[in-house]
Amino acid sequence: MSVTILLLVLLLFVVTMLVGGGILILIRLRPAWSAPVTGALAAMMLMTTVVTVLVTVTRS
C-alpha cells in the first residue's frame, strides 16, 4: 500500500470518528433529534463503506 492510500484511510477514519462523536453529543443534548441524526449517521457510514470498497477494488 502506498503512503497516499494510508493517509486517505487515516483521514477517513479521523473524519468518521469526529462526526460520530459530534452526533453522539448532539443526541445526548437533544434527544428529540435522535431519529434524523441516526439516519444521517447511517447514510454517512454507507458512503464510507462504498468509498472503502471502491478504493479496495481499484487498488487490487
PDB file of N, CA and C in Angstrom:
ATOM      1  N   MET A   1       0.837  -1.182   0.000  1.00  0.00           N
ATOM      2  CA  MET A   1       0.000   0.000   0.000  1.00  0.00           C
ATOM      3  C   MET A   1       0.879   1.241   0.000  1.00  0.00           C
ATOM      4  N   SER A   2       0.480   2.210  -0.768  1.00  0.00           N
ATOM      5  CA  SER A   2       1.282   3.430  -0.823  1.00  0.00           C
ATOM      6  C   SER A   2       0.929   4.346   0.353  1.00  0.00           C
ATOM      7  N   VAL A   3       1.778   5.309   0.569  1.00  0.00           N
ATOM      8  CA  VAL A   3       1.584   6.258   1.659  1.00  0.00           C
ATOM      9  C   VAL A   3       0.321   7.083   1.429  1.00  0.00           C
ATOM     10  N   THR A   4       0.027   7.410   0.189  1.00  0.00           N
ATOM     11  CA  THR A   4      -1.163   8.203  -0.124  1.00  0.00           C
ATOM     12  C   THR A   4      -2.433   7.480   0.299  1.00  0.00           C
ATOM     13  N   ILE A   5      -2.513   6.200   0.016  1.00  0.00           N
ATOM     14  CA  ILE A   5      -3.691   5.417   0.390  1.00  0.00           C
ATOM     15  C   ILE A   5      -3.803   5.328   1.909  1.00  0.00           C
ATOM     16  N   LEU A   6      -2.688   5.121   2.581  1.00  0.00           N
ATOM     17  CA  LEU A   6      -2.716   5.053   4.041  1.00  0.00           C
ATOM     18  C   LEU A   6      -3.161   6.375   4.656  1.00  0.00           C
ATOM     19  N   LEU A   7      -2.697   7.484   4.100  1.00  0.00           N
ATOM     20  CA  LEU A   7      -3.128   8.794   4.590  1.00  0.00           C
ATOM     21  C   LEU A   7      -4.608   9.026   4.322  1.00  0.00           C
ATOM     22  N   LEU A   8      -5.095   8.575   3.180  1.00  0.00           N
ATOM     23  CA  LEU A   8      -6.519   8.700   2.871  1.00  0.00           C
ATOM     24  C   LEU A   8      -7.363   7.889   3.847  1.00  0.00           C
ATOM     25  N   VAL A   9      -6.924   6.688   4.160  1.00  0.00           N
ATOM     26  CA  VAL A   9      -7.645   5.848   5.122  1.00  0.00           C
ATOM     27  C   VAL A   9      -7.618   6.490   6.508  1.00  0.00           C
ATOM     28  N   LEU A  10      -6.473   7.026   6.911  1.00  0.00           N
ATOM     29  CA  LEU A  10      -6.376   7.701   8.204  1.00  0.00           C
ATOM     30  C   LEU A  10      -7.291   8.918   8.259  1.00  0.00           C
ATOM     31  N   LEU A  11      -7.302   9.706   7.203  1.00  0.00           N
ATOM     32  CA  LEU A  11      -8.175  10.877   7.145  1.00  0.00           C
ATOM     33  C   LEU A  11      -9.641  10.469   7.219  1.00  0.00           C
ATOM     34  N   LEU A  12     -10.003   9.432   6.496  1.00  0.00           N
ATOM     35  CA  LEU A  12     -11.376   8.934   6.520  1.00  0.00           C
ATOM     36  C   LEU A  12     -11.752   8.458   7.921  1.00  0.00           C
ATOM     37  N   PHE A  13     -10.836   7.780   8.592  1.00  0.00           N
ATOM     38  CA  PHE A  13     -11.078   7.308   9.955  1.00  0.00           C
ATOM     39  C   PHE A  13     -11.261   8.478  10.919  1.00  0.00           C
ATOM     40  N   VAL A  14     -10.387   9.470  10.832  1.00  0.00           N
ATOM     41  CA  VAL A  14     -10.464  10.618  11.738  1.00  0.00           C
ATOM     42  C   VAL A  14     -11.760  11.389  11.520  1.00  0.00           C
ATOM     43  N   VAL A  15     -12.120  11.634  10.274  1.00  0.00           N
ATOM     44  CA  VAL A  15     -13.360  12.358   9.984  1.00  0.00           C
ATOM     45  C   VAL A  15     -14.566  11.573  10.487  1.00  0.00           C
ATOM     46  N   THR A  16     -14.564  10.260  10.276  1.00  0.00           N
ATOM     47  CA  THR A  16     -15.674   9.432  10.746  1.00  0.00           C
ATOM     48  C   THR A  16     -15.788   9.485  12.265  1.00  0.00           C
ATOM     49  N   MET A  17     -14.675   9.422  12.966  1.00  0.00           N
ATOM     50  CA  MET A  17     -14.716   9.481  14.429  1.00  0.00           C
ATOM     51  C   MET A  17     -15.177  10.853  14.921  1.00  0.00           C
ATOM     52  N   LEU A  18     -14.731  11.923  14.275  1.00  0.00           N
ATOM     53  CA  LEU A  18     -15.164  13.262  14.682  1.00  0.00           C
ATOM     54  C   LEU A  18     -16.660  13.459  14.459  1.00  0.00           C
ATOM     55  N   VAL A  19     -17.142  13.035  13.309  1.00  0.00           N
ATOM     56  CA  VAL A  19     -18.570  13.168  13.027  1.00  0.00           C
ATOM     57  C   VAL A  19     -19.379  12.288  13.974  1.00  0.00           C
ATOM     58  N   GLY A  20     -18.909  11.072  14.207  1.00  0.00           N
ATOM     59  CA  GLY A  20     -19.604  10.181  15.140  1.00  0.00           C
ATOM     60  C   GLY A  20     -19.656  10.759  16.545  1.00  0.00           C
ATOM     61  N   GLY A  21     -18.560  11.339  17.004  1.00  0.00           N
ATOM     62  CA  GLY A  21     -18.545  11.983  18.322  1.00  0.00           C
ATOM     63  C   GLY A  21     -19.480  13.173  18.394  1.00  0.00           C
ATOM     64  N   GLY A  22     -19.491  13.966  17.336  1.00  0.00           N
ATOM     65  CA  GLY A  22     -20.408  15.107  17.287  1.00  0.00           C
ATOM     66  C   GLY A  22     -21.861  14.671  17.307  1.00  0.00           C
ATOM     67  N   ILE A  23     -22.157  13.605  16.594  1.00  0.00           N
ATOM     68  CA  ILE A  23     -23.527  13.090  16.575  1.00  0.00           C
ATOM     69  C   ILE A  23     -23.904  12.543  17.944  1.00  0.00           C
ATOM     70  N   LEU A  24     -22.982  11.867  18.604  1.00  0.00           N
ATOM     71  CA  LEU A  24     -23.259  11.356  19.946  1.00  0.00           C
ATOM     72  C   LEU A  24     -23.569  12.499  20.909  1.00  0.00           C
ATOM     73  N   ILE A  25     -22.799  13.564  20.844  1.00  0.00           N
ATOM     74  CA  ILE A  25     -23.049  14.730  21.696  1.00  0.00           C
ATOM     75  C   ILE A  25     -24.399  15.351  21.360  1.00  0.00           C
ATOM     76  N   LEU A  26     -24.711  15.467  20.083  1.00  0.00           N
ATOM     77  CA  LEU A  26     -25.989  16.051  19.674  1.00  0.00           C
ATOM     78  C   LEU A  26     -27.167  15.212  20.151  1.00  0.00           C
ATOM     79  N   ILE A  27     -27.041  13.896  20.071  1.00  0.00           N
ATOM     80  CA  ILE A  27     -28.121  13.024  20.542  1.00  0.00           C
ATOM     81  C   ILE A  27     -28.289  13.158  22.057  1.00  0.00           C
ATOM     82  N   ARG A  28     -27.186  13.310  22.773  1.00  0.00           N
ATOM     83  CA  ARG A  28     -27.287  13.465  24.232  1.00  0.00           C
ATOM     84  C   ARG A  28     -27.913  14.802  24.608  1.00  0.00           C
ATOM     85  N   LEU A  29     -27.638  15.846  23.838  1.00  0.00           N
ATOM     86  CA  LEU A  29     -28.172  17.169  24.170  1.00  0.00           C
ATOM     87  C   LEU A  29     -29.614  17.352  23.707  1.00  0.00           C
ATOM     88  N   ARG A  30     -29.966  16.774  22.570  1.00  0.00           N
ATOM     89  CA  ARG A  30     -31.319  16.924  22.023  1.00  0.00           C
ATOM     90  C   ARG A  30     -31.871  15.556  21.632  1.00  0.00           C
ATOM     91  N   PRO A  31     -32.468  14.854  22.586  1.00  0.00           N
ATOM     92  CA  PRO A  31     -32.966  13.502  22.300  1.00  0.00           C
ATOM     93  C   PRO A  31     -34.055  13.464  21.229  1.00  0.00           C
ATOM     94  N   ALA A  32     -34.774  14.558  21.031  1.00  0.00           N
ATOM     95  CA  ALA A  32     -35.832  14.579  20.015  1.00  0.00           C
ATOM     96  C   ALA A  32     -35.260  14.458  18.603  1.00  0.00           C
ATOM     97  N   TRP A  33     -34.000  14.768  18.432  1.00  0.00           N
ATOM     98  CA  TRP A  33     -33.371  14.698  17.109  1.00  0.00           C
ATOM     99  C   TRP A  33     -32.762  13.330  16.825  1.00  0.00           C
ATOM    100  N   SER A  34     -32.998  12.359  17.684  1.00  0.00           N
ATOM    101  CA  SER A  34     -32.338  11.057  17.560  1.00  0.00           C
ATOM    102  C   SER A  34     -32.599  10.374  16.224  1.00  0.00           C
ATOM    103  N   ALA A  35     -33.860  10.347  15.785  1.00  0.00           N
ATOM    104  CA  ALA A  35     -34.183   9.631  14.543  1.00  0.00           C
ATOM    105  C   ALA A  35     -33.517  10.263  13.319  1.00  0.00           C
ATOM    106  N   PRO A  36     -33.657  11.582  13.094  1.00  0.00           N
ATOM    107  CA  PRO A  36     -32.998  12.157  11.908  1.00  0.00           C
ATOM    108  C   PRO A  36     -31.476  12.066  11.955  1.00  0.00           C
ATOM    109  N   VAL A  37     -30.919  12.261  13.139  1.00  0.00           N
ATOM    110  CA  VAL A  37     -29.463  12.222  13.268  1.00  0.00           C
ATOM    111  C   VAL A  37     -28.949  10.802  13.054  1.00  0.00           C
ATOM    112  N   THR A  38     -29.678   9.819  13.555  1.00  0.00           N
ATOM    113  CA  THR A  38     -29.276   8.430  13.344  1.00  0.00           C
ATOM    114  C   THR A  38     -29.351   8.063  11.867  1.00  0.00           C
ATOM    115  N   GLY A  39     -30.365   8.565  11.172  1.00  0.00           N
ATOM    116  CA  GLY A  39     -30.459   8.336   9.727  1.00  0.00           C
ATOM    117  C   GLY A  39     -29.294   8.966   8.978  1.00  0.00           C
ATOM    118  N   ALA A  40     -28.917  10.165   9.386  1.00  0.00           N
ATOM    119  CA  ALA A  40     -27.774  10.831   8.756  1.00  0.00           C
ATOM    120  C   ALA A  40     -26.481  10.067   9.024  1.00  0.00           C
ATOM    121  N   LEU A  41     -26.332   9.543  10.235  1.00  0.00           N
ATOM    122  CA  LEU A  41     -25.146   8.750  10.563  1.00  0.00           C
ATOM    123  C   LEU A  41     -25.099   7.470   9.734  1.00  0.00           C
ATOM    124  N   ALA A  42     -26.255   6.835   9.562  1.00  0.00           N
ATOM    125  CA  ALA A  42     -26.301   5.616   8.748  1.00  0.00           C
ATOM    126  C   ALA A  42     -25.930   5.919   7.301  1.00  0.00           C
ATOM    127  N   ALA A  43     -26.402   7.047   6.773  1.00  0.00           N
ATOM    128  CA  ALA A  43     -26.053   7.433   5.402  1.00  0.00           C
ATOM    129  C   ALA A  43     -24.558   7.703   5.278  1.00  0.00           C
ATOM    130  N   MET A  44     -23.975   8.350   6.285  1.00  0.00           N
ATOM    131  CA  MET A  44     -22.538   8.624   6.255  1.00  0.00           C
ATOM    132  C   MET A  44     -21.731   7.328   6.293  1.00  0.00           C
ATOM    133  N   MET A  45     -22.156   6.394   7.127  1.00  0.00           N
ATOM    134  CA  MET A  45     -21.453   5.111   7.204  1.00  0.00           C
ATOM    135  C   MET A  45     -21.568   4.340   5.890  1.00  0.00           C
ATOM    136  N   LEU A  46     -22.721   4.426   5.245  1.00  0.00           N
ATOM    137  CA  LEU A  46     -22.895   3.767   3.949  1.00  0.00           C
ATOM    138  C   LEU A  46     -21.955   4.373   2.910  1.00  0.00           C
ATOM    139  N   MET A  47     -21.852   5.708   2.892  1.00  0.00           N
ATOM    140  CA  MET A  47     -20.939   6.359   1.952  1.00  0.00           C
ATOM    141  C   MET A  47     -19.490   5.975   2.243  1.00  0.00           C
ATOM    142  N   THR A  48     -19.127   5.889   3.516  1.00  0.00           N
ATOM    143  CA  THR A  48     -17.775   5.484   3.897  1.00  0.00           C
ATOM    144  C   THR A  48     -17.482   4.068   3.420  1.00  0.00           C
ATOM    145  N   THR A  49     -18.448   3.189   3.582  1.00  0.00           N
ATOM    146  CA  THR A  49     -18.275   1.806   3.138  1.00  0.00           C
ATOM    147  C   THR A  49     -18.109   1.733   1.627  1.00  0.00           C
ATOM    148  N   VAL A  50     -18.917   2.485   0.899  1.00  0.00           N
ATOM    149  CA  VAL A  50     -18.831   2.480  -0.565  1.00  0.00           C
ATOM    150  C   VAL A  50     -17.471   3.002  -1.022  1.00  0.00           C
ATOM    151  N   VAL A  51     -17.004   4.084  -0.423  1.00  0.00           N
ATOM    152  CA  VAL A  51     -15.699   4.637  -0.798  1.00  0.00           C
ATOM    153  C   VAL A  51     -14.586   3.638  -0.486  1.00  0.00           C
ATOM    154  N   THR A  52     -14.669   2.989   0.660  1.00  0.00           N
ATOM    155  CA  THR A  52     -13.657   1.998   1.028  1.00  0.00           C
ATOM    156  C   THR A  52     -13.635   0.830   0.053  1.00  0.00           C
ATOM    157  N   VAL A  53     -14.810   0.352  -0.318  1.00  0.00           N
ATOM    158  CA  VAL A  53     -14.881  -0.754  -1.281  1.00  0.00           C
ATOM    159  C   VAL A  53     -14.332  -0.316  -2.634  1.00  0.00           C
ATOM    160  N   LEU A  54     -14.673   0.886  -3.076  1.00  0.00           N
ATOM    161  CA  LEU A  54     -14.161   1.381  -4.361  1.00  0.00           C
ATOM    162  C   LEU A  54     -12.638   1.489  -4.347  1.00  0.00           C
ATOM    163  N   VAL A  55     -12.082   2.015  -3.261  1.00  0.00           N
ATOM    164  CA  VAL A  55     -10.626   2.135  -3.166  1.00  0.00           C
ATOM    165  C   VAL A  55      -9.985   0.756  -3.164  1.00  0.00           C
ATOM    166  N   THR A  56     -10.570  -0.168  -2.429  1.00  0.00           N
ATOM    167  CA  THR A  56     -10.018  -1.524  -2.362  1.00  0.00           C
ATOM    168  C   THR A  56     -10.066  -2.220  -3.715  1.00  0.00           C
ATOM    169  N   VAL A  57     -11.177  -2.085  -4.408  1.00  0.00           N
ATOM    170  CA  VAL A  57     -11.332  -2.759  -5.703  1.00  0.00           C
ATOM    171  C   VAL A  57     -10.398  -2.158  -6.745  1.00  0.00           C
ATOM    172  N   THR A  58     -10.272  -0.843  -6.750  1.00  0.00           N
ATOM    173  CA  THR A  58      -9.424  -0.217  -7.766  1.00  0.00           C
ATOM    174  C   THR A  58      -7.937  -0.436  -7.488  1.00  0.00           C
ATOM    175  N   ARG A  59      -7.578  -0.699  -6.231  1.00  0.00           N
ATOM    176  CA  ARG A  59      -6.167  -0.893  -5.900  1.00  0.00           C
ATOM    177  C   ARG A  59      -5.711  -2.339  -6.064  1.00  0.00           C
ATOM    178  N   SER A  60      -6.649  -3.271  -6.220  1.00  0.00           N
ATOM    179  CA  SER A  60      -6.229  -4.677  -6.300  1.00  0.00           C
ATOM    180  C   SER A  60      -6.304  -5.223  -7.706  1.00  0.00           C
TER     181      SER A  60
END
